[in-house]
N, C-alpha and C. Protein backbone atom coordinates (compact mmCIF):
# COMPACT_ATOMS: atom_id res chain seq x y z
N MET A 1 0.85 -1.19 0.00
CA MET A 1 0.00 0.00 0.00
C MET A 1 0.89 1.25 0.00
N LYS A 2 0.59 2.17 -0.87
CA LYS A 2 1.39 3.38 -0.97
C LYS A 2 0.95 4.41 0.05
N ASN A 3 1.93 5.20 0.50
CA ASN A 3 1.62 6.33 1.37
C ASN A 3 0.98 7.43 0.55
N ARG A 4 0.27 8.32 1.21
CA ARG A 4 -0.35 9.44 0.51
C ARG A 4 0.70 10.29 -0.18
N LYS A 5 1.86 10.47 0.45
CA LYS A 5 2.89 11.31 -0.15
C LYS A 5 3.41 10.72 -1.45
N ASP A 6 3.33 9.40 -1.61
CA ASP A 6 3.78 8.77 -2.85
C ASP A 6 2.91 9.18 -4.03
N ASN A 7 1.71 9.60 -3.76
CA ASN A 7 0.78 9.99 -4.80
C ASN A 7 0.76 11.50 -5.03
N MET A 8 1.50 12.24 -4.24
CA MET A 8 1.49 13.70 -4.33
C MET A 8 2.63 14.18 -5.22
N SER A 9 2.33 15.17 -6.04
CA SER A 9 3.37 15.79 -6.85
C SER A 9 4.20 16.70 -5.94
N PRO A 10 5.40 17.06 -6.36
CA PRO A 10 6.19 18.00 -5.55
C PRO A 10 5.46 19.32 -5.30
N LYS A 11 4.68 19.80 -6.28
CA LYS A 11 3.91 21.03 -6.07
C LYS A 11 2.90 20.85 -4.94
N ASP A 12 2.24 19.68 -4.92
CA ASP A 12 1.27 19.41 -3.86
C ASP A 12 1.96 19.32 -2.49
N VAL A 13 3.14 18.71 -2.47
CA VAL A 13 3.89 18.61 -1.21
C VAL A 13 4.22 20.01 -0.71
N ASN A 14 4.71 20.87 -1.59
CA ASN A 14 5.06 22.23 -1.19
C ASN A 14 3.85 23.03 -0.73
N LYS A 15 2.72 22.86 -1.39
CA LYS A 15 1.49 23.54 -0.96
C LYS A 15 1.07 23.06 0.43
N THR A 16 1.19 21.77 0.67
CA THR A 16 0.85 21.22 1.98
C THR A 16 1.78 21.78 3.05
N ILE A 17 3.06 21.85 2.76
CA ILE A 17 4.04 22.39 3.70
C ILE A 17 3.67 23.82 4.07
N GLU A 18 3.28 24.61 3.09
CA GLU A 18 2.92 26.01 3.32
C GLU A 18 1.69 26.16 4.21
N ARG A 19 0.80 25.19 4.19
CA ARG A 19 -0.46 25.27 4.95
C ARG A 19 -0.33 24.78 6.38
N LEU A 20 0.76 24.17 6.76
CA LEU A 20 0.89 23.62 8.10
C LEU A 20 0.90 24.73 9.15
N ASP A 21 0.19 24.47 10.26
CA ASP A 21 0.23 25.42 11.36
C ASP A 21 1.27 24.95 12.40
N ASP A 22 1.45 25.75 13.44
CA ASP A 22 2.49 25.44 14.44
C ASP A 22 2.28 24.08 15.09
N GLN A 23 1.03 23.73 15.37
CA GLN A 23 0.76 22.45 16.01
C GLN A 23 1.10 21.29 15.08
N ASP A 24 0.80 21.44 13.79
CA ASP A 24 1.18 20.40 12.82
C ASP A 24 2.69 20.19 12.80
N TRP A 25 3.44 21.31 12.80
CA TRP A 25 4.90 21.20 12.80
C TRP A 25 5.40 20.50 14.05
N GLU A 26 4.84 20.87 15.19
CA GLU A 26 5.24 20.24 16.46
C GLU A 26 4.96 18.74 16.43
N ASN A 27 3.79 18.37 15.95
CA ASN A 27 3.42 16.95 15.89
C ASN A 27 4.33 16.17 14.95
N MET A 28 4.63 16.75 13.79
CA MET A 28 5.51 16.06 12.84
C MET A 28 6.91 15.90 13.43
N LYS A 29 7.43 16.95 14.05
CA LYS A 29 8.76 16.88 14.64
C LYS A 29 8.80 15.84 15.75
N LYS A 30 7.81 15.84 16.59
CA LYS A 30 7.76 14.87 17.69
C LYS A 30 7.74 13.45 17.13
N HIS A 31 6.91 13.21 16.14
CA HIS A 31 6.80 11.88 15.54
C HIS A 31 8.15 11.43 14.96
N LEU A 32 8.78 12.31 14.18
CA LEU A 32 10.05 11.93 13.56
C LEU A 32 11.19 11.83 14.57
N ASP A 33 11.16 12.66 15.62
CA ASP A 33 12.17 12.55 16.68
C ASP A 33 12.07 11.19 17.38
N GLU A 34 10.85 10.73 17.58
CA GLU A 34 10.66 9.42 18.21
C GLU A 34 11.04 8.28 17.27
N LYS A 35 10.71 8.43 16.01
CA LYS A 35 10.98 7.37 15.04
C LYS A 35 12.45 7.29 14.66
N PHE A 36 13.11 8.45 14.58
CA PHE A 36 14.52 8.52 14.18
C PHE A 36 15.31 9.36 15.19
N PRO A 37 15.54 8.83 16.38
CA PRO A 37 16.18 9.63 17.44
C PRO A 37 17.58 10.13 17.07
N SER A 38 18.29 9.42 16.23
CA SER A 38 19.64 9.86 15.88
C SER A 38 19.63 11.04 14.90
N MET A 39 18.47 11.35 14.36
CA MET A 39 18.36 12.45 13.40
C MET A 39 17.61 13.66 13.97
N THR A 40 17.43 13.70 15.27
CA THR A 40 16.69 14.77 15.91
C THR A 40 17.34 16.13 15.68
N LEU A 41 16.53 17.10 15.31
CA LEU A 41 17.00 18.47 15.14
C LEU A 41 16.66 19.27 16.40
N PRO A 42 17.49 20.27 16.73
CA PRO A 42 17.31 20.97 18.00
C PRO A 42 16.02 21.79 18.13
N THR A 43 15.56 22.40 17.04
CA THR A 43 14.37 23.26 17.15
C THR A 43 13.37 22.95 16.05
N VAL A 44 12.16 23.40 16.27
CA VAL A 44 11.11 23.26 15.26
C VAL A 44 11.48 24.07 14.01
N GLU A 45 12.10 25.22 14.21
CA GLU A 45 12.51 26.05 13.07
C GLU A 45 13.52 25.31 12.19
N ASP A 46 14.46 24.61 12.81
CA ASP A 46 15.42 23.81 12.03
C ASP A 46 14.69 22.71 11.26
N PHE A 47 13.73 22.09 11.92
CA PHE A 47 12.94 21.03 11.29
C PHE A 47 12.16 21.58 10.09
N LYS A 48 11.55 22.75 10.26
CA LYS A 48 10.80 23.38 9.17
C LYS A 48 11.70 23.62 7.96
N GLU A 49 12.88 24.14 8.22
CA GLU A 49 13.81 24.43 7.12
C GLU A 49 14.21 23.15 6.39
N LEU A 50 14.44 22.08 7.13
CA LEU A 50 14.78 20.80 6.51
C LEU A 50 13.64 20.29 5.64
N VAL A 51 12.42 20.37 6.13
CA VAL A 51 11.26 19.90 5.37
C VAL A 51 11.06 20.76 4.12
N LYS A 52 11.21 22.06 4.25
CA LYS A 52 11.06 22.95 3.10
C LYS A 52 12.14 22.68 2.07
N LEU A 53 13.35 22.43 2.53
CA LEU A 53 14.45 22.10 1.61
C LEU A 53 14.15 20.80 0.87
N TYR A 54 13.61 19.82 1.59
CA TYR A 54 13.23 18.55 0.96
C TYR A 54 12.19 18.80 -0.14
N GLY A 55 11.19 19.63 0.14
CA GLY A 55 10.17 19.93 -0.85
C GLY A 55 10.75 20.59 -2.08
N LYS A 56 11.68 21.52 -1.87
CA LYS A 56 12.31 22.19 -3.01
C LYS A 56 13.16 21.21 -3.82
N PHE A 57 13.83 20.31 -3.12
CA PHE A 57 14.63 19.31 -3.82
C PHE A 57 13.75 18.41 -4.67
N GLN A 58 12.59 18.02 -4.14
CA GLN A 58 11.68 17.17 -4.91
C GLN A 58 11.21 17.88 -6.18
N THR A 59 10.93 19.18 -6.07
CA THR A 59 10.53 19.97 -7.23
C THR A 59 11.66 19.99 -8.25
N TYR A 60 12.89 20.23 -7.79
CA TYR A 60 14.05 20.26 -8.67
C TYR A 60 14.24 18.91 -9.34
N LYS A 61 14.15 17.84 -8.56
CA LYS A 61 14.35 16.49 -9.09
C LYS A 61 13.31 16.16 -10.15
N GLU A 62 12.07 16.55 -9.93
CA GLU A 62 11.01 16.29 -10.90
C GLU A 62 11.31 16.99 -12.22
N GLY A 63 11.80 18.23 -12.14
CA GLY A 63 12.13 18.97 -13.34
C GLY A 63 13.27 18.33 -14.12
N LYS A 64 14.22 17.74 -13.41
CA LYS A 64 15.36 17.10 -14.05
C LYS A 64 14.98 15.76 -14.68
N LEU A 65 14.01 15.08 -14.09
CA LEU A 65 13.66 13.74 -14.56
C LEU A 65 12.61 13.75 -15.65
N HIS A 66 11.77 14.80 -15.71
CA HIS A 66 10.67 14.80 -16.66
C HIS A 66 10.85 15.85 -17.71
């Protein structure tokens, strides 16, 4: 079974990232900190920047592949 993100285009991922509120960011960070403790980032702001960078990279990668 595919995850929802597997069906989302990079544009959709970036739009979703832009719509997240502070509680969404906190919940995502907490979930990923628990799931991947060795990759924990110190602040929510650092986490936001990493996620935004990932979204931009996906957009770039899509442009290069298609």
